[in-house]
C-alpha atoms as a PDB file:
ATOM      1  CA  MET A   1      -4.973  28.073 -31.008  1.00  0.00           C
ATOM      2  CA  ALA A   2      -4.300  26.120 -27.811  1.00  0.00           C
ATOM      3  CA  TYR A   3      -5.602  22.583 -27.066  1.00  0.00           C
ATOM      4  CA  THR A   4      -4.636  19.742 -24.925  1.00  0.00           C
ATOM      5  CA  VAL A   5      -3.111  16.495 -26.193  1.00  0.00           C
ATOM      6  CA  PRO A   6      -3.499  13.656 -23.729  1.00  0.00           C
ATOM      7  CA  LEU A   7      -0.636  11.404 -22.581  1.00  0.00           C
ATOM      8  CA  THR A   8      -0.697   7.753 -21.697  1.00  0.00           C
ATOM      9  CA  SER A   9       2.028   5.436 -20.646  1.00  0.00           C
ATOM     10  CA  THR A  10       2.700   1.630 -20.571  1.00  0.00           C
ATOM     11  CA  SER A  11       4.935  -0.340 -18.204  1.00  0.00           C
ATOM     12  CA  CYS A  12       8.321  -1.377 -19.431  1.00  0.00           C
ATOM     13  CA  ILE A  13       9.622  -4.909 -19.014  1.00  0.00           C
ATOM     14  CA  LYS A  14      12.724  -3.745 -16.917  1.00  0.00           C
ATOM     15  CA  GLY A  15      10.691  -1.323 -14.915  1.00  0.00           C
ATOM     16  CA  GLY A  16       9.600   2.304 -15.394  1.00  0.00           C
ATOM     17  CA  GLU A  17       7.108   3.549 -17.871  1.00  0.00           C
ATOM     18  CA  ARG A  18       7.075   4.847 -21.404  1.00  0.00           C
ATOM     19  CA  PRO A  19       4.938   7.786 -22.291  1.00  0.00           C
ATOM     20  CA  TYR A  20       2.926   8.043 -25.474  1.00  0.00           C
ATOM     21  CA  PHE A  21       0.736  10.755 -26.960  1.00  0.00           C
ATOM     22  CA  VAL A  22      -2.994   9.952 -27.674  1.00  0.00           C
ATOM     23  CA  CYS A  23      -3.773  11.206 -31.137  1.00  0.00           C
ATOM     24  CA  PRO A  24      -6.539  13.720 -30.975  1.00  0.00           C
ATOM     25  CA  GLY A  25      -7.497  13.207 -34.624  1.00  0.00           C
ATOM     26  CA  GLN A  26     -10.682  11.899 -36.301  1.00  0.00           C
ATOM     27  CA  VAL A  27     -10.800   9.006 -38.745  1.00  0.00           C
ATOM     28  CA  CYS A  28     -14.141   8.488 -40.605  1.00  0.00           C
ATOM     29  CA  GLY A  29     -15.932  10.519 -37.847  1.00  0.00           C
ATOM     30  CA  ARG A  30     -14.435   8.480 -35.092  1.00  0.00           C
ATOM     31  CA  PRO A  31     -11.630   9.349 -32.685  1.00  0.00           C
ATOM     32  CA  CYS A  32      -8.237   8.014 -33.900  1.00  0.00           C
ATOM     33  CA  LEU A  33      -6.878   7.184 -30.401  1.00  0.00           C
ATOM     34  CA  ARG A  34      -3.634   5.793 -31.662  1.00  0.00           C
ATOM     35  CA  GLN A  35      -0.582   6.034 -29.369  1.00  0.00           C
ATOM     36  CA  PRO A  36       2.285   7.369 -31.363  1.00  0.00           C
ATOM     37  CA  PHE A  37       5.670   8.501 -30.014  1.00  0.00           C
ATOM     38  CA  ASN A  38       5.546  11.549 -32.301  1.00  0.00           C
ATOM     39  CA  LEU A  39       2.768  13.827 -33.453  1.00  0.00           C
ATOM     40  CA  TYR A  40       3.143  15.943 -36.703  1.00  0.00           C
ATOM     41  CA  SER A  41       2.223  19.454 -37.598  1.00  0.00           C
ATOM     42  CA  GLY A  42       0.608  19.016 -41.095  1.00  0.00           C
ATOM     43  CA  GLY A  43      -2.126  21.695 -40.643  1.00  0.00           C
ATOM     44  CA  ARG A  44      -3.822  23.360 -37.599  1.00  0.00           C
ATOM     45  CA  HIS A  45      -3.406  20.375 -35.336  1.00  0.00           C
ATOM     46  CA  PHE A  46      -0.714  18.061 -34.229  1.00  0.00           C
ATOM     47  CA  LEU A  47      -1.816  14.457 -35.402  1.00  0.00           C
ATOM     48  CA  CYS A  48      -0.360  11.099 -36.095  1.00  0.00           C
ATOM     49  CA  ARG A  49       1.047   9.832 -39.384  1.00  0.00           C
ATOM     50  CA  ASN A  50      -2.223   7.882 -40.008  1.00  0.00           C
ATOM     51  CA  CYS A  51      -4.482  10.964 -39.681  1.00  0.00           C
ATOM     52  CA  TYR A  52      -2.321  13.009 -41.956  1.00  0.00           C
ATOM     53  CA  ARG A  53      -1.801  10.075 -44.341  1.00  0.00           C
ATOM     54  CA  LEU A  54       1.936  10.555 -44.320  1.00  0.00           C
ATOM     55  CA  ALA A  55       4.165   8.040 -45.988  1.00  0.00           C
ATOM     56  CA  PHE A  56       7.787   7.264 -45.445  1.00  0.00           C
ATOM     57  CA  GLN A  57      10.069   8.401 -48.235  1.00  0.00           C
ATOM     58  CA  SER A  58      11.116   4.831 -48.905  1.00  0.00           C
ATOM     59  CA  GLN A  59       7.595   3.887 -49.712  1.00  0.00           C
ATOM     60  CA  SER A  60       7.694   5.915 -52.958  1.00  0.00           C
ATOM     61  CA  GLU A  61      11.208   4.967 -54.064  1.00  0.00           C
ATOM     62  CA  THR A  62      11.885   3.177 -57.334  1.00  0.00           C
ATOM     63  CA  PRO A  63      14.001  -0.063 -57.041  1.00  0.00           C
ATOM     64  CA  HIS A  64      16.894   1.840 -58.557  1.00  0.00           C
ATOM     65  CA  ASP A  65      16.760   4.644 -55.959  1.00  0.00           C
ATOM     66  CA  TRP A  66      16.405   2.161 -53.158  1.00  0.00           C
ATOM     67  CA  LEU A  67      19.623   0.367 -54.343  1.00  0.00           C
ATOM     68  CA  LEU A  68      21.523   3.688 -54.601  1.00  0.00           C
ATOM     69  CA  ARG A  69      20.429   4.621 -51.162  1.00  0.00           C
ATOM     70  CA  ARG A  70      21.614   1.303 -49.684  1.00  0.00           C
ATOM     71  CA  VAL A  71      24.980   1.332 -51.608  1.00  0.00           C
ATOM     72  CA  SER A  72      25.600   4.897 -50.338  1.00  0.00           C
ATOM     73  CA  LYS A  73      25.458   3.666 -46.673  1.00  0.00           C
ATOM     74  CA  LEU A  74      28.301   1.172 -47.358  1.00  0.00           C
ATOM     75  CA  ARG A  75      31.756   1.819 -46.206  1.00  0.00           C
ATOM     76  CA  PRO A  76      34.703   0.816 -48.342  1.00  0.00           C
ATOM     77  CA  GLY A  77      35.409  -2.889 -47.966  1.00  0.00           C
ATOM     78  CA  ASN A  78      31.891  -3.765 -46.584  1.00  0.00           C
ATOM     79  CA  THR A  79      29.508  -5.826 -48.488  1.00  0.00           C
ATOM     80  CA  LEU A  80      25.762  -5.618 -48.918  1.00  0.00           C
ATOM     81  CA  PRO A  81      23.963  -6.812 -45.739  1.00  0.00           C
ATOM     82  CA  PRO A  82      22.134 -10.173 -46.133  1.00  0.00           C
ATOM     83  CA  ARG A  83      18.460 -10.070 -47.109  1.00  0.00           C
ATOM     84  CA  ARG A  84      15.928 -10.751 -44.357  1.00  0.00           C
END
């Protein structure tokens, strides 16, 4: 299957432009029209995370798993980063 995915761009503060995809998906019968950096192949089409209802892995972590992931990033002698 071949189809066109439109591109758009916005101006950057220091000059130039930043390109974005325009998501060709449908949400509740209306065009999605989000402007993501990446599109994902979760089926027959390339769509944004919202259209495929994709979650980040960290959104399904338990507090214990989150802590283990954070601690594994530390180097010897470093401490935990301050909470934001």
